[in-house]
Amino acid sequence: MKTRKTPLRKCVGCGEHKDKRELIRVVRSKEGQISIDPTGKLNGRGAYLCNTIACLDKAIKEKSLQRSFKSMINQETIDELRRNMEK
């Protein structure tokens, strides 16, 4: 039997390559709304983060999350992402 490759994605916060299932997908819809995608199947531009507040803070500080989405992220959205990661 053939072994399947595990899909790897890069965390925009720390820059480490990890298994796709270990990371959280953050997605920007066509309307510009940014949210967490628990299924990994929502339409839109996606970026991956480790499930830690430290990676989220680093991605915000270095503006790598904004670069991934090619748009500004307001403070309300950042607070919502932080609340969802703490769960």
C-alpha atoms as a PDB file:
ATOM      1  CA  MET A   1       0.000   0.000   0.000  1.00  0.00           C
ATOM      2  CA  LYS A   2       1.076   3.539  -0.697  1.00  0.00           C
ATOM      3  CA  THR A   3       1.599   5.858   2.215  1.00  0.00           C
ATOM      4  CA  ARG A   4      -0.104   9.205   1.935  1.00  0.00           C
ATOM      5  CA  LYS A   5       1.771  12.437   2.378  1.00  0.00           C
ATOM      6  CA  THR A   6       0.732  14.556   5.307  1.00  0.00           C
ATOM      7  CA  PRO A   7      -0.051  18.089   4.178  1.00  0.00           C
ATOM      8  CA  LEU A   8       2.301  20.648   5.739  1.00  0.00           C
ATOM      9  CA  ARG A   9       1.528  24.317   6.245  1.00  0.00           C
ATOM     10  CA  LYS A  10       3.638  27.187   7.529  1.00  0.00           C
ATOM     11  CA  CYS A  11       2.581  29.165  10.601  1.00  0.00           C
ATOM     12  CA  VAL A  12       2.599  32.884   9.787  1.00  0.00           C
ATOM     13  CA  GLY A  13       3.570  33.640  13.402  1.00  0.00           C
ATOM     14  CA  CYS A  14       6.588  31.468  14.156  1.00  0.00           C
ATOM     15  CA  GLY A  15       7.377  30.316  10.610  1.00  0.00           C
ATOM     16  CA  GLU A  16       7.515  26.592  11.453  1.00  0.00           C
ATOM     17  CA  HIS A  17       6.172  23.978   9.044  1.00  0.00           C
ATOM     18  CA  LYS A  18       3.689  21.704  10.809  1.00  0.00           C
ATOM     19  CA  ASP A  19       1.000  19.199   9.968  1.00  0.00           C
ATOM     20  CA  LYS A  20      -2.088  20.972   8.613  1.00  0.00           C
ATOM     21  CA  ARG A  21      -4.290  19.410  11.287  1.00  0.00           C
ATOM     22  CA  GLU A  22      -2.168  20.880  14.111  1.00  0.00           C
ATOM     23  CA  LEU A  23      -2.668  24.456  12.909  1.00  0.00           C
ATOM     24  CA  ILE A  24      -5.646  26.802  12.974  1.00  0.00           C
ATOM     25  CA  ARG A  25      -6.812  28.273   9.671  1.00  0.00           C
ATOM     26  CA  VAL A  26      -7.787  31.927   9.674  1.00  0.00           C
ATOM     27  CA  VAL A  27      -9.719  32.976   6.581  1.00  0.00           C
ATOM     28  CA  ARG A  28     -10.680  36.277   4.927  1.00  0.00           C
ATOM     29  CA  SER A  29     -13.889  36.064   2.936  1.00  0.00           C
ATOM     30  CA  LYS A  30     -14.581  38.003  -0.253  1.00  0.00           C
ATOM     31  CA  GLU A  31     -16.539  40.498   1.848  1.00  0.00           C
ATOM     32  CA  GLY A  32     -13.412  41.174   3.928  1.00  0.00           C
ATOM     33  CA  GLN A  33     -14.587  39.438   7.104  1.00  0.00           C
ATOM     34  CA  ILE A  34     -11.799  37.631   8.976  1.00  0.00           C
ATOM     35  CA  SER A  35     -12.666  34.581  11.064  1.00  0.00           C
ATOM     36  CA  ILE A  36     -11.362  31.231  12.276  1.00  0.00           C
ATOM     37  CA  ASP A  37     -12.167  28.306   9.983  1.00  0.00           C
ATOM     38  CA  PRO A  38     -12.539  25.154  12.113  1.00  0.00           C
ATOM     39  CA  THR A  39     -13.335  22.921   9.118  1.00  0.00           C
ATOM     40  CA  GLY A  40     -10.587  24.206   6.826  1.00  0.00           C
ATOM     41  CA  LYS A  41     -13.036  24.383   3.928  1.00  0.00           C
ATOM     42  CA  LEU A  42     -14.424  27.919   3.945  1.00  0.00           C
ATOM     43  CA  ASN A  43     -13.983  29.935   0.762  1.00  0.00           C
ATOM     44  CA  GLY A  44     -11.521  32.777   0.884  1.00  0.00           C
ATOM     45  CA  ARG A  45      -7.882  33.602   1.485  1.00  0.00           C
ATOM     46  CA  GLY A  46      -6.442  31.470   4.272  1.00  0.00           C
ATOM     47  CA  ALA A  47      -3.492  31.721   6.638  1.00  0.00           C
ATOM     48  CA  TYR A  48      -2.377  29.207   9.249  1.00  0.00           C
ATOM     49  CA  LEU A  49      -1.399  29.825  12.877  1.00  0.00           C
ATOM     50  CA  CYS A  50      -0.257  27.598  15.714  1.00  0.00           C
ATOM     51  CA  ASN A  51      -2.844  27.246  18.476  1.00  0.00           C
ATOM     52  CA  THR A  52      -0.965  29.604  20.795  1.00  0.00           C
ATOM     53  CA  ILE A  53      -1.498  33.222  21.745  1.00  0.00           C
ATOM     54  CA  ALA A  54       2.261  33.796  21.333  1.00  0.00           C
ATOM     55  CA  CYS A  55       2.111  32.956  17.606  1.00  0.00           C
ATOM     56  CA  LEU A  56      -0.936  35.202  17.150  1.00  0.00           C
ATOM     57  CA  ASP A  57       0.815  38.083  18.924  1.00  0.00           C
ATOM     58  CA  LYS A  58       3.967  37.599  16.854  1.00  0.00           C
ATOM     59  CA  ALA A  59       1.958  37.510  13.604  1.00  0.00           C
ATOM     60  CA  ILE A  60       0.202  40.744  14.579  1.00  0.00           C
ATOM     61  CA  LYS A  61       3.390  42.466  15.726  1.00  0.00           C
ATOM     62  CA  GLU A  62       5.306  41.592  12.548  1.00  0.00           C
ATOM     63  CA  LYS A  63       2.194  42.267  10.412  1.00  0.00           C
ATOM     64  CA  SER A  64       2.557  38.901   8.702  1.00  0.00           C
ATOM     65  CA  LEU A  65      -1.161  38.172   9.131  1.00  0.00           C
ATOM     66  CA  GLN A  66      -2.016  41.481   7.420  1.00  0.00           C
ATOM     67  CA  ARG A  67       0.452  40.669   4.637  1.00  0.00           C
ATOM     68  CA  SER A  68      -1.175  37.274   4.110  1.00  0.00           C
ATOM     69  CA  PHE A  69      -4.617  38.816   3.744  1.00  0.00           C
ATOM     70  CA  LYS A  70      -3.397  41.930   1.902  1.00  0.00           C
ATOM     71  CA  SER A  71      -5.622  44.074   4.107  1.00  0.00           C
ATOM     72  CA  MET A  72      -5.643  45.797   7.481  1.00  0.00           C
ATOM     73  CA  ILE A  73      -6.956  43.931  10.519  1.00  0.00           C
ATOM     74  CA  ASN A  74      -8.885  45.977  13.074  1.00  0.00           C
ATOM     75  CA  GLN A  75      -8.597  45.564  16.851  1.00  0.00           C
ATOM     76  CA  GLU A  76     -12.063  43.985  17.189  1.00  0.00           C
ATOM     77  CA  THR A  77     -11.050  41.139  14.871  1.00  0.00           C
ATOM     78  CA  ILE A  78      -7.781  40.627  16.759  1.00  0.00           C
ATOM     79  CA  ASP A  79      -9.679  40.421  20.068  1.00  0.00           C
ATOM     80  CA  GLU A  80     -12.127  37.899  18.561  1.00  0.00           C
ATOM     81  CA  LEU A  81      -9.255  35.723  17.289  1.00  0.00           C
ATOM     82  CA  ARG A  82      -7.595  35.873  20.713  1.00  0.00           C
ATOM     83  CA  ARG A  83     -10.848  34.828  22.457  1.00  0.00           C
ATOM     84  CA  ASN A  84     -11.335  31.906  20.057  1.00  0.00           C
ATOM     85  CA  MET A  85      -7.757  30.691  20.549  1.00  0.00           C
ATOM     86  CA  GLU A  86      -8.121  30.692  24.345  1.00  0.00           C
ATOM     87  CA  LYS A  87     -10.969  28.164  24.149  1.00  0.00           C
END
